Amino acid sequence: MQAFSKRTREVDGTRRIISEPPLIVPIDELTPGVPAQEMHDALDQLLAKYRGTLETDRRHLLEQFRVVDLARKVVGVGSVGTRCWIALLVGRDHDDPLFLQVKEAQESVLERFVGKGAYANQGERVVTGQRLTQAASDIFLGWIRSDAGVDGVARDFYFRQLRDMKGSADPETMTPQGLTDYGRLCGSTLARGHARSGDRIAIASYLGKSTAFDRAMAAFAEKYADQNERDYASLRAAADSGRVKAETGL
């Protein structure tokens, strides 16, 4: 509901995604020559393909919603440069919204070293990996292949909720004991994911009983943090000199 109130407005009795270029651009602005009905028919076909990748109970739930708008959205650092869309759906009325995020899925960076994977659709590969490693995944995880998108290029995508229910903690406000407990919780969650998706015995044997791996990870984290600080300083210098334009979004 927070995203719904912030990202949409009412136009002729229908909720529409607010245009905020270049960060958010509605589909009708990207395809001005395409009739609205033709665009909605195409979106309905894509949604039907996506529904087929869901479990039966989730499929039944999604069938109670219909697409009313779609917009391209600039994504974060980890996925920047890839295609991402947000889809606005409504259920019984316009006070019953559902926001889905549709993210482009590309080939794994490991394929050049270990060969092609088992999945023809890269969206399915991502969804399968998330379902395998996560104790409780987004109920709307699914995938499609768009044979001809806005740019006419076939691409794989996966779906998820735009704002699912997640919790977070602020390490900067924790006591030393609280930070230790939080670190253990994160470590055990990560270990569980690896144990579900990999050879847990081989992983445990590789790690051994010494603290060598622990020290290596701590050293890596320190170097990674230092690199982040250097990158940020470079960006600030480029912004201050006018070489790049930076917007905080605040």
C-alpha atoms as a PDB file:
ATOM      1  CA  MET A   1       0.000   0.000   0.000  1.00  0.00           C
ATOM      2  CA  GLN A   2       2.938   2.332   0.616  1.00  0.00           C
ATOM      3  CA  ALA A   3       4.208   1.806  -2.936  1.00  0.00           C
ATOM      4  CA  PHE A   4       0.662   2.106  -4.264  1.00  0.00           C
ATOM      5  CA  SER A   5       0.110   5.515  -2.633  1.00  0.00           C
ATOM      6  CA  LYS A   6       3.560   6.790  -3.638  1.00  0.00           C
ATOM      7  CA  ARG A   7       3.845   5.420  -7.172  1.00  0.00           C
ATOM      8  CA  THR A   8       0.332   5.755  -8.580  1.00  0.00           C
ATOM      9  CA  ARG A   9      -2.348   8.388  -9.262  1.00  0.00           C
ATOM     10  CA  GLU A  10      -5.906   8.244 -10.525  1.00  0.00           C
ATOM     11  CA  VAL A  11      -6.471   9.022 -14.221  1.00  0.00           C
ATOM     12  CA  ASP A  12     -10.017   8.879 -15.605  1.00  0.00           C
ATOM     13  CA  GLY A  13     -11.114   6.585 -12.794  1.00  0.00           C
ATOM     14  CA  THR A  14      -8.147   4.194 -13.190  1.00  0.00           C
ATOM     15  CA  ARG A  15      -4.944   4.003 -11.178  1.00  0.00           C
ATOM     16  CA  ARG A  16      -1.822   4.671 -13.242  1.00  0.00           C
ATOM     17  CA  ILE A  17       1.876   4.538 -12.409  1.00  0.00           C
ATOM     18  CA  ILE A  18       3.314   8.043 -12.004  1.00  0.00           C
ATOM     19  CA  SER A  19       5.908   8.974 -14.613  1.00  0.00           C
ATOM     20  CA  GLU A  20       9.257   9.932 -13.068  1.00  0.00           C
ATOM     21  CA  PRO A  21      11.736   9.833 -15.971  1.00  0.00           C
ATOM     22  CA  PRO A  22      14.372   8.582 -16.255  1.00  0.00           C
ATOM     23  CA  LEU A  23      13.830   6.392 -13.170  1.00  0.00           C
ATOM     24  CA  ILE A  24      10.249   5.307 -13.915  1.00  0.00           C
ATOM     25  CA  VAL A  25       8.671   5.531 -17.390  1.00  0.00           C
ATOM     26  CA  PRO A  26       5.169   4.125 -18.054  1.00  0.00           C
ATOM     27  CA  ILE A  27       4.708   1.773 -20.999  1.00  0.00           C
ATOM     28  CA  ASP A  28       2.455   4.181 -22.929  1.00  0.00           C
ATOM     29  CA  GLU A  29       5.287   6.734 -23.025  1.00  0.00           C
ATOM     30  CA  LEU A  30       7.676   4.112 -24.402  1.00  0.00           C
ATOM     31  CA  THR A  31       5.257   2.906 -27.093  1.00  0.00           C
ATOM     32  CA  PRO A  32       3.290   6.018 -28.129  1.00  0.00           C
ATOM     33  CA  GLY A  33       2.157   4.568 -31.488  1.00  0.00           C
ATOM     34  CA  VAL A  34       0.700   1.353 -30.080  1.00  0.00           C
ATOM     35  CA  PRO A  35      -3.067   1.350 -29.339  1.00  0.00           C
ATOM     36  CA  ALA A  36      -3.862   0.937 -25.636  1.00  0.00           C
ATOM     37  CA  GLN A  37      -6.042  -2.130 -26.199  1.00  0.00           C
ATOM     38  CA  GLU A  38      -3.321  -3.868 -28.207  1.00  0.00           C
ATOM     39  CA  MET A  39      -0.801  -3.185 -25.450  1.00  0.00           C
ATOM     40  CA  HIS A  40      -3.127  -4.504 -22.729  1.00  0.00           C
ATOM     41  CA  ASP A  41      -3.828  -7.650 -24.768  1.00  0.00           C
ATOM     42  CA  ALA A  42      -0.083  -8.279 -25.031  1.00  0.00           C
ATOM     43  CA  LEU A  43       0.341  -7.749 -21.272  1.00  0.00           C
ATOM     44  CA  ASP A  44      -2.505 -10.153 -20.527  1.00  0.00           C
ATOM     45  CA  GLN A  45      -0.804 -12.816 -22.675  1.00  0.00           C
ATOM     46  CA  LEU A  46       2.489 -12.363 -20.821  1.00  0.00           C
ATOM     47  CA  LEU A  47       0.714 -12.547 -17.462  1.00  0.00           C
ATOM     48  CA  ALA A  48      -1.004 -15.778 -18.518  1.00  0.00           C
ATOM     49  CA  LYS A  49       2.392 -17.305 -19.378  1.00  0.00           C
ATOM     50  CA  TYR A  50       3.769 -16.183 -16.036  1.00  0.00           C
ATOM     51  CA  ARG A  51       0.802 -17.645 -14.108  1.00  0.00           C
ATOM     52  CA  GLY A  52       1.631 -21.045 -15.577  1.00  0.00           C
ATOM     53  CA  THR A  53       4.939 -21.067 -13.656  1.00  0.00           C
ATOM     54  CA  LEU A  54       3.272 -20.647 -10.251  1.00  0.00           C
ATOM     55  CA  GLU A  55       2.036 -23.273  -7.829  1.00  0.00           C
ATOM     56  CA  THR A  56      -1.686 -23.997  -8.126  1.00  0.00           C
ATOM     57  CA  ASP A  57      -2.734 -22.050  -5.015  1.00  0.00           C
ATOM     58  CA  ARG A  58      -0.695 -18.987  -5.993  1.00  0.00           C
ATOM     59  CA  ARG A  59      -2.024 -19.215  -9.553  1.00  0.00           C
ATOM     60  CA  HIS A  60      -5.573 -19.169  -8.198  1.00  0.00           C
ATOM     61  CA  LEU A  61      -4.769 -16.098  -6.128  1.00  0.00           C
ATOM     62  CA  LEU A  62      -3.195 -14.231  -9.053  1.00  0.00           C
ATOM     63  CA  GLU A  63      -6.180 -14.976 -11.287  1.00  0.00           C
ATOM     64  CA  GLN A  64      -8.169 -12.612  -9.081  1.00  0.00           C
ATOM     65  CA  PHE A  65      -6.044  -9.691 -10.295  1.00  0.00           C
ATOM     66  CA  ARG A  66      -5.701  -7.943 -13.648  1.00  0.00           C
ATOM     67  CA  VAL A  67      -2.945  -5.739 -15.073  1.00  0.00           C
ATOM     68  CA  VAL A  68      -3.799  -2.046 -15.323  1.00  0.00           C
ATOM     69  CA  ASP A  69      -0.360  -0.490 -15.969  1.00  0.00           C
ATOM     70  CA  LEU A  70       3.295  -1.267 -16.587  1.00  0.00           C
ATOM     71  CA  ALA A  71       6.392   0.913 -16.333  1.00  0.00           C
ATOM     72  CA  ARG A  72      10.110   0.564 -16.889  1.00  0.00           C
ATOM     73  CA  LYS A  73      12.110   1.118 -13.709  1.00  0.00           C
ATOM     74  CA  VAL A  74      15.789   1.774 -13.156  1.00  0.00           C
ATOM     75  CA  VAL A  75      17.132  -0.829 -10.749  1.00  0.00           C
ATOM     76  CA  GLY A  76      19.869  -0.870  -8.142  1.00  0.00           C
ATOM     77  CA  VAL A  77      23.609  -1.372  -8.341  1.00  0.00           C
ATOM     78  CA  GLY A  78      23.518  -5.164  -8.547  1.00  0.00           C
ATOM     79  CA  SER A  79      21.257  -5.197 -11.624  1.00  0.00           C
ATOM     80  CA  VAL A  80      21.960  -1.804 -13.188  1.00  0.00           C
ATOM     81  CA  GLY A  81      21.907  -1.893 -16.982  1.00  0.00           C
ATOM     82  CA  THR A  82      19.422  -4.753 -17.167  1.00  0.00           C
ATOM     83  CA  ARG A  83      15.741  -4.352 -18.023  1.00  0.00           C
ATOM     84  CA  CYS A  84      13.323  -4.042 -15.143  1.00  0.00           C
ATOM     85  CA  TRP A  85       9.594  -3.352 -15.073  1.00  0.00           C
ATOM     86  CA  ILE A  86       6.986  -2.776 -12.412  1.00  0.00           C
ATOM     87  CA  ALA A  87       3.458  -4.033 -13.064  1.00  0.00           C
ATOM     88  CA  LEU A  88       0.412  -2.650 -11.299  1.00  0.00           C
ATOM     89  CA  LEU A  89      -2.456  -5.119 -10.857  1.00  0.00           C
ATOM     90  CA  VAL A  90      -5.779  -4.634  -9.102  1.00  0.00           C
ATOM     91  CA  GLY A  91      -8.177  -7.189  -7.631  1.00  0.00           C
ATOM     92  CA  ARG A  92     -11.758  -6.600  -6.510  1.00  0.00           C
ATOM     93  CA  ASP A  93     -11.356  -2.801  -6.947  1.00  0.00           C
ATOM     94  CA  HIS A  94      -8.712  -0.083  -7.016  1.00  0.00           C
ATOM     95  CA  ASP A  95      -8.214  -0.358  -3.257  1.00  0.00           C
ATOM     96  CA  ASP A  96      -6.980  -3.929  -3.742  1.00  0.00           C
ATOM     97  CA  PRO A  97      -3.598  -3.488  -5.505  1.00  0.00           C
ATOM     98  CA  LEU A  98      -0.694  -5.798  -6.198  1.00  0.00           C
ATOM     99  CA  PHE A  99       2.678  -4.545  -7.424  1.00  0.00           C
ATOM    100  CA  LEU A 100       4.943  -7.014  -9.195  1.00  0.00           C
ATOM    101  CA  GLN A 101       8.526  -6.468 -10.267  1.00  0.00           C
ATOM    102  CA  VAL A 102       9.693  -8.037 -13.524  1.00  0.00           C
ATOM    103  CA  LYS A 103      13.488  -8.272 -13.729  1.00  0.00           C
ATOM    104  CA  GLU A 104      15.639  -9.369 -16.647  1.00  0.00           C
ATOM    105  CA  ALA A 105      17.557 -12.585 -16.056  1.00  0.00           C
ATOM    106  CA  GLN A 106      20.774 -13.103 -17.996  1.00  0.00           C
ATOM    107  CA  GLU A 107      23.150 -16.032 -18.248  1.00  0.00           C
ATOM    108  CA  SER A 108      25.050 -16.927 -15.106  1.00  0.00           C
ATOM    109  CA  VAL A 109      28.573 -15.517 -14.955  1.00  0.00           C
ATOM    110  CA  LEU A 110      29.717 -19.063 -14.118  1.00  0.00           C
ATOM    111  CA  GLU A 111      28.637 -20.514 -17.476  1.00  0.00           C
ATOM    112  CA  ARG A 112      31.822 -19.406 -19.238  1.00  0.00           C
ATOM    113  CA  PHE A 113      33.774 -21.570 -16.789  1.00  0.00           C
ATOM    114  CA  VAL A 114      31.513 -24.563 -16.108  1.00  0.00           C
ATOM    115  CA  GLY A 115      29.406 -24.759 -19.287  1.00  0.00           C
ATOM    116  CA  LYS A 116      25.723 -24.296 -19.980  1.00  0.00           C
ATOM    117  CA  GLY A 117      23.262 -24.913 -17.171  1.00  0.00           C
ATOM    118  CA  ALA A 118      20.200 -27.132 -17.175  1.00  0.00           C
ATOM    119  CA  TYR A 119      17.693 -24.313 -17.731  1.00  0.00           C
ATOM    120  CA  ALA A 120      16.831 -22.896 -21.145  1.00  0.00           C
ATOM    121  CA  ASN A 121      15.106 -19.939 -19.505  1.00  0.00           C
ATOM    122  CA  GLN A 122      17.394 -17.823 -17.319  1.00  0.00           C
ATOM    123  CA  GLY A 123      14.398 -16.563 -15.325  1.00  0.00           C
ATOM    124  CA  GLU A 124      13.565 -20.129 -14.349  1.00  0.00           C
ATOM    125  CA  ARG A 125      17.192 -20.628 -13.325  1.00  0.00           C
ATOM    126  CA  VAL A 126      17.046 -17.616 -10.990  1.00  0.00           C
ATOM    127  CA  VAL A 127      13.685 -18.613  -9.503  1.00  0.00           C
ATOM    128  CA  THR A 128      14.778 -22.202  -8.951  1.00  0.00           C
ATOM    129  CA  GLY A 129      17.937 -21.003  -7.222  1.00  0.00           C
ATOM    130  CA  GLN A 130      16.010 -18.685  -4.925  1.00  0.00           C
ATOM    131  CA  ARG A 131      13.462 -21.333  -4.027  1.00  0.00           C
ATOM    132  CA  LEU A 132      16.264 -23.791  -3.320  1.00  0.00           C
ATOM    133  CA  THR A 133      18.377 -21.569  -1.081  1.00  0.00           C
ATOM    134  CA  GLN A 134      15.721 -19.564   0.745  1.00  0.00           C
ATOM    135  CA  ALA A 135      13.782 -20.951   3.686  1.00  0.00           C
ATOM    136  CA  ALA A 136      10.701 -18.965   2.603  1.00  0.00           C
ATOM    137  CA  SER A 137      10.670 -17.458  -0.881  1.00  0.00           C
ATOM    138  CA  ASP A 138       8.353 -14.852  -2.375  1.00  0.00           C
ATOM    139  CA  ILE A 139       5.057 -16.591  -3.165  1.00  0.00           C
ATOM    140  CA  PHE A 140       4.855 -14.843  -6.548  1.00  0.00           C
ATOM    141  CA  LEU A 141       8.241 -15.985  -7.894  1.00  0.00           C
ATOM    142  CA  GLY A 142       7.810 -16.986 -11.535  1.00  0.00           C
ATOM    143  CA  TRP A 143       9.286 -16.447 -14.988  1.00  0.00           C
ATOM    144  CA  ILE A 144       8.585 -15.769 -18.654  1.00  0.00           C
ATOM    145  CA  ARG A 145      10.358 -15.259 -21.967  1.00  0.00           C
ATOM    146  CA  SER A 146       9.400 -12.137 -23.854  1.00  0.00           C
ATOM    147  CA  ASP A 147       9.925 -12.983 -27.533  1.00  0.00           C
ATOM    148  CA  ALA A 148       9.784  -9.345 -28.638  1.00  0.00           C
ATOM    149  CA  GLY A 149       9.863  -6.623 -26.043  1.00  0.00           C
ATOM    150  CA  VAL A 150       9.852  -2.856 -26.535  1.00  0.00           C
ATOM    151  CA  ASP A 151      13.204  -3.109 -28.322  1.00  0.00           C
ATOM    152  CA  GLY A 152      12.215  -6.195 -30.331  1.00  0.00           C
ATOM    153  CA  VAL A 153      14.776  -8.440 -28.591  1.00  0.00           C
ATOM    154  CA  ALA A 154      13.824 -11.723 -26.885  1.00  0.00           C
ATOM    155  CA  ARG A 155      14.684 -11.685 -23.179  1.00  0.00           C
ATOM    156  CA  ASP A 156      14.115 -13.822 -20.104  1.00  0.00           C
ATOM    157  CA  PHE A 157      12.528 -12.313 -17.000  1.00  0.00           C
ATOM    158  CA  TYR A 158      11.533 -13.384 -13.521  1.00  0.00           C
ATOM    159  CA  PHE A 159       8.709 -12.034 -11.383  1.00  0.00           C
ATOM    160  CA  ARG A 160       8.564 -11.196  -7.714  1.00  0.00           C
ATOM    161  CA  GLN A 161       6.630  -8.807  -5.478  1.00  0.00           C
ATOM    162  CA  LEU A 162       7.834  -5.219  -5.621  1.00  0.00           C
ATOM    163  CA  ARG A 163       7.477  -4.856  -1.872  1.00  0.00           C
ATOM    164  CA  ASP A 164       7.342  -8.182  -0.064  1.00  0.00           C
ATOM    165  CA  MET A 165       7.456  -8.427   3.707  1.00  0.00           C
ATOM    166  CA  LYS A 166      11.073  -8.238   4.815  1.00  0.00           C
ATOM    167  CA  GLY A 167      12.750  -7.224   8.029  1.00  0.00           C
ATOM    168  CA  SER A 168      16.149  -5.639   8.525  1.00  0.00           C
ATOM    169  CA  ALA A 169      18.406  -4.575  11.357  1.00  0.00           C
ATOM    170  CA  ASP A 170      20.796  -1.646  11.771  1.00  0.00           C
ATOM    171  CA  PRO A 171      24.219  -2.937  12.892  1.00  0.00           C
ATOM    172  CA  GLU A 172      25.378   0.603  13.743  1.00  0.00           C
ATOM    173  CA  THR A 173      22.953   0.733  16.670  1.00  0.00           C
ATOM    174  CA  MET A 174      23.770  -2.711  18.089  1.00  0.00           C
ATOM    175  CA  THR A 175      25.696  -3.530  21.218  1.00  0.00           C
ATOM    176  CA  PRO A 176      28.784  -5.745  20.779  1.00  0.00           C
ATOM    177  CA  GLN A 177      26.806  -8.772  21.989  1.00  0.00           C
ATOM    178  CA  GLY A 178      23.898  -7.889  19.700  1.00  0.00           C
ATOM    179  CA  LEU A 179      26.242  -7.575  16.726  1.00  0.00           C
ATOM    180  CA  THR A 180      27.774 -10.956  17.567  1.00  0.00           C
ATOM    181  CA  ASP A 181      24.351 -12.593  17.754  1.00  0.00           C
ATOM    182  CA  TYR A 182      23.290 -10.918  14.507  1.00  0.00           C
ATOM    183  CA  GLY A 183      26.453 -12.146  12.787  1.00  0.00           C
ATOM    184  CA  ARG A 184      25.781 -15.706  13.958  1.00  0.00           C
ATOM    185  CA  LEU A 185      22.196 -15.487  12.675  1.00  0.00           C
ATOM    186  CA  CYS A 186      23.347 -14.258   9.247  1.00  0.00           C
ATOM    187  CA  GLY A 187      26.045 -16.923   9.118  1.00  0.00           C
ATOM    188  CA  SER A 188      23.694 -19.760  10.011  1.00  0.00           C
ATOM    189  CA  THR A 189      21.140 -18.553   7.431  1.00  0.00           C
ATOM    190  CA  LEU A 190      23.814 -18.433   4.721  1.00  0.00           C
ATOM    191  CA  ALA A 191      25.121 -21.861   5.748  1.00  0.00           C
ATOM    192  CA  ARG A 192      21.615 -23.302   5.545  1.00  0.00           C
ATOM    193  CA  GLY A 193      21.224 -21.965   2.004  1.00  0.00           C
ATOM    194  CA  HIS A 194      24.525 -23.541   0.919  1.00  0.00           C
ATOM    195  CA  ALA A 195      23.648 -26.810   2.638  1.00  0.00           C
ATOM    196  CA  ARG A 196      20.316 -26.972   0.783  1.00  0.00           C
ATOM    197  CA  SER A 197      21.822 -26.237  -2.627  1.00  0.00           C
ATOM    198  CA  GLY A 198      25.298 -27.784  -2.488  1.00  0.00           C
ATOM    199  CA  ASP A 199      27.183 -30.776  -1.135  1.00  0.00           C
ATOM    200  CA  ARG A 200      27.070 -29.990   2.577  1.00  0.00           C
ATOM    201  CA  ILE A 201      29.589 -32.706   3.458  1.00  0.00           C
ATOM    202  CA  ALA A 202      32.114 -31.493   0.889  1.00  0.00           C
ATOM    203  CA  ILE A 203      31.628 -27.890   2.049  1.00  0.00           C
ATOM    204  CA  ALA A 204      32.122 -28.831   5.707  1.00  0.00           C
ATOM    205  CA  SER A 205      35.232 -30.859   4.832  1.00  0.00           C
ATOM    206  CA  TYR A 206      36.679 -27.935   2.869  1.00  0.00           C
ATOM    207  CA  LEU A 207      36.084 -25.492   5.712  1.00  0.00           C
ATOM    208  CA  GLY A 208      37.620 -27.849   8.293  1.00  0.00           C
ATOM    209  CA  LYS A 209      37.831 -27.071  11.976  1.00  0.00           C
ATOM    210  CA  SER A 210      40.473 -24.336  11.960  1.00  0.00           C
ATOM    211  CA  THR A 211      39.808 -20.591  11.744  1.00  0.00           C
ATOM    212  CA  ALA A 212      41.624 -20.194   8.401  1.00  0.00           C
ATOM    213  CA  PHE A 213      38.423 -19.669   6.427  1.00  0.00           C
ATOM    214  CA  ASP A 214      37.044 -17.288   9.053  1.00  0.00           C
ATOM    215  CA  ARG A 215      40.182 -15.137   8.850  1.00  0.00           C
ATOM    216  CA  ALA A 216      40.119 -15.192   5.053  1.00  0.00           C
ATOM    217  CA  MET A 217      36.505 -13.983   4.984  1.00  0.00           C
ATOM    218  CA  ALA A 218      37.255 -11.215   7.495  1.00  0.00           C
ATOM    219  CA  ALA A 219      40.226 -10.056   5.422  1.00  0.00           C
ATOM    220  CA  PHE A 220      38.105 -10.082   2.264  1.00  0.00           C
ATOM    221  CA  ALA A 221      35.366  -8.057   3.978  1.00  0.00           C
ATOM    222  CA  GLU A 222      37.858  -5.397   5.076  1.00  0.00           C
ATOM    223  CA  LYS A 223      39.315  -5.098   1.572  1.00  0.00           C
ATOM    224  CA  TYR A 224      35.839  -4.967   0.046  1.00  0.00           C
ATOM    225  CA  ALA A 225      34.834  -2.176   2.434  1.00  0.00           C
ATOM    226  CA  ASP A 226      38.005  -0.255   1.554  1.00  0.00           C
ATOM    227  CA  GLN A 227      37.224  -0.653  -2.161  1.00  0.00           C
ATOM    228  CA  ASN A 228      33.687   0.645  -1.594  1.00  0.00           C
ATOM    229  CA  GLU A 229      35.085   3.728   0.127  1.00  0.00           C
ATOM    230  CA  ARG A 230      37.491   4.359  -2.758  1.00  0.00           C
ATOM    231  CA  ASP A 231      34.712   3.939  -5.335  1.00  0.00           C
ATOM    232  CA  TYR A 232      32.463   6.322  -3.421  1.00  0.00           C
ATOM    233  CA  ALA A 233      35.241   8.897  -3.148  1.00  0.00           C
ATOM    234  CA  SER A 234      35.805   8.658  -6.912  1.00  0.00           C
ATOM    235  CA  LEU A 235      32.111   9.168  -7.583  1.00  0.00           C
ATOM    236  CA  ARG A 236      31.942  12.149  -5.226  1.00  0.00           C
ATOM    237  CA  ALA A 237      34.949  13.720  -6.933  1.00  0.00           C
ATOM    238  CA  ALA A 238      33.396  13.182 -10.370  1.00  0.00           C
ATOM    239  CA  ALA A 239      30.106  14.701  -9.179  1.00  0.00           C
ATOM    240  CA  ASP A 240      31.828  17.682  -7.553  1.00  0.00           C
ATOM    241  CA  SER A 241      33.768  18.394 -10.756  1.00  0.00           C
ATOM    242  CA  GLY A 242      30.624  18.154 -12.882  1.00  0.00           C
ATOM    243  CA  ARG A 243      31.892  15.153 -14.870  1.00  0.00           C
ATOM    244  CA  VAL A 244      28.838  13.133 -13.813  1.00  0.00           C
ATOM    245  CA  LYS A 245      25.408  14.193 -12.565  1.00  0.00           C
ATOM    246  CA  ALA A 246      24.368  12.597  -9.290  1.00  0.00           C
ATOM    247  CA  GLU A 247      20.896  12.693  -7.760  1.00  0.00           C
ATOM    248  CA  THR A 248      20.189  11.385  -4.280  1.00  0.00           C
ATOM    249  CA  GLY A 249      16.449  10.932  -4.797  1.00  0.00           C
ATOM    250  CA  LEU A 250      15.747  12.676  -1.474  1.00  0.00           C
END
